[in-house]
Protein backbone atom coordinates (compact mmCIF):
# COMPACT_ATOMS: atom_id res chain seq x y z
CA MET A 1 147.26 93.28 36.71
CA THR A 2 143.67 92.37 35.99
CA CYS A 3 141.12 94.78 34.61
CA LYS A 4 137.72 94.63 32.96
CA ALA A 5 136.83 94.33 29.33
CA LEU A 6 133.39 95.76 28.74
CA MET A 7 130.99 95.57 25.84
CA SER A 8 128.16 98.02 25.24
CA PHE A 9 125.81 99.08 22.49
CA HIS A 10 126.54 102.72 21.71
CA GLU A 11 125.54 104.92 18.76
CA GLY A 12 124.09 101.98 16.81
CA ARG A 13 127.00 99.59 17.21
CA TRP A 14 128.55 97.24 19.71
CA ARG A 15 131.91 98.20 21.11
CA VAL A 16 134.44 96.46 23.36
CA PHE A 17 136.81 98.48 25.50
CA VAL A 18 139.23 97.68 28.30
CA ALA A 19 139.15 99.83 31.43
CA VAL A 20 142.81 100.32 32.35
CA PRO A 21 144.33 102.73 34.86
CA GLY A 22 144.70 106.24 33.50
CA LEU A 23 142.71 108.44 31.20
CA VAL A 24 139.51 107.06 29.67
CA SER A 25 140.62 108.49 26.33
CA LEU A 26 143.54 106.02 26.37
CA TRP A 27 141.44 102.90 26.96
CA PRO A 28 141.87 100.36 24.14
CA GLU A 29 138.64 100.10 22.14
CA HIS A 30 137.14 98.26 19.18
CA ARG A 31 133.87 99.16 17.46
CA PHE A 32 132.04 96.44 15.56
CA PRO A 33 130.29 97.34 12.29
CA PRO A 34 126.84 98.93 12.74
CA GLY A 35 123.99 96.54 13.48
CA VAL A 36 122.02 95.09 16.34
CA VAL A 37 123.45 91.55 16.31
CA VAL A 38 125.32 90.83 19.54
CA PRO A 39 128.92 89.78 18.75
CA THR A 40 129.61 86.13 19.52
CA VAL A 41 131.96 85.06 22.31
CA ALA A 42 134.50 84.07 19.63
CA GLU A 43 134.29 87.53 18.02
CA ARG A 44 134.71 89.20 21.41
CA SER A 45 137.66 86.93 22.18
CA ARG A 46 139.43 87.90 18.95
CA VAL A 47 138.88 91.59 19.72
CA VAL A 48 140.14 91.29 23.30
CA ASN A 49 143.26 89.50 21.98
CA ALA A 50 143.77 92.13 19.26
CA LEU A 51 143.63 94.82 21.98
CA GLY A 52 146.51 93.02 23.74
CA PHE A 53 144.61 91.18 26.47
CA VAL A 54 143.55 87.65 27.41
CA PHE A 55 140.62 86.38 29.46
CA THR A 56 141.27 85.42 33.07
CA ASN A 57 138.00 83.58 33.71
CA GLY A 58 137.36 81.44 30.64
CA ALA A 59 135.53 84.11 28.63
CA GLU A 60 132.54 84.26 30.98
CA TRP A 61 130.70 87.55 30.44
CA GLU A 62 128.34 89.01 33.04
CA TRP A 63 125.45 91.05 31.65
CA THR A 64 123.94 94.07 33.39
CA GLU A 65 120.82 95.97 32.42
CA ASP A 66 120.39 99.68 33.02
CA ALA A 67 117.95 102.39 31.97
CA GLU A 68 118.87 105.21 29.62
CA THR A 69 116.93 107.48 31.98
CA PRO A 70 117.46 106.28 35.57
CA GLY A 71 114.24 105.76 37.52
CA ASP A 72 112.04 105.73 34.38
CA ASP A 73 110.67 102.23 33.75
CA THR A 74 109.60 103.29 30.23
CA SER A 75 113.17 104.26 29.34
CA ARG A 76 115.16 102.38 26.71
CA VAL A 77 117.24 99.54 28.18
CA LEU A 78 121.02 99.70 28.03
CA LEU A 79 123.00 96.45 28.13
CA LEU A 80 126.55 96.18 29.39
CA ALA A 81 128.67 93.03 29.52
CA ALA A 82 131.92 92.66 31.44
CA THR A 83 134.66 90.08 31.91
CA LEU A 84 138.05 90.03 33.61
CA VAL A 85 141.17 90.27 31.45
CA ARG A 86 144.89 90.75 31.87
CA PRO A 87 147.59 92.01 29.52
CA ALA A 88 148.59 89.25 27.10
CA ASP A 89 152.29 89.84 27.83
CA GLY A 90 151.63 89.43 31.56
CA GLY A 91 152.91 92.92 32.34
CA ASP A 92 151.29 96.10 33.51
CA ARG A 93 149.92 98.60 31.03
């Protein structure tokens, strides 16, 4: 099973979470310490592994930009990164 690992900046810190089937409240998540520095690919890789997953596409992250207030070009920008992962044990979660 493949799923997406996502990284976003939320409440003053970067977080990585894995969107798996089931309740959102059960998605594995890691919050980096507060700050505005974007975690490196190596830091993200360690977190994804610690959450029990491995990259399926060589750790390539796709970045998407969105607006905090849709349709308002003066709104604060929200960044979201995503990459494909699979359970490290090869099984379903």
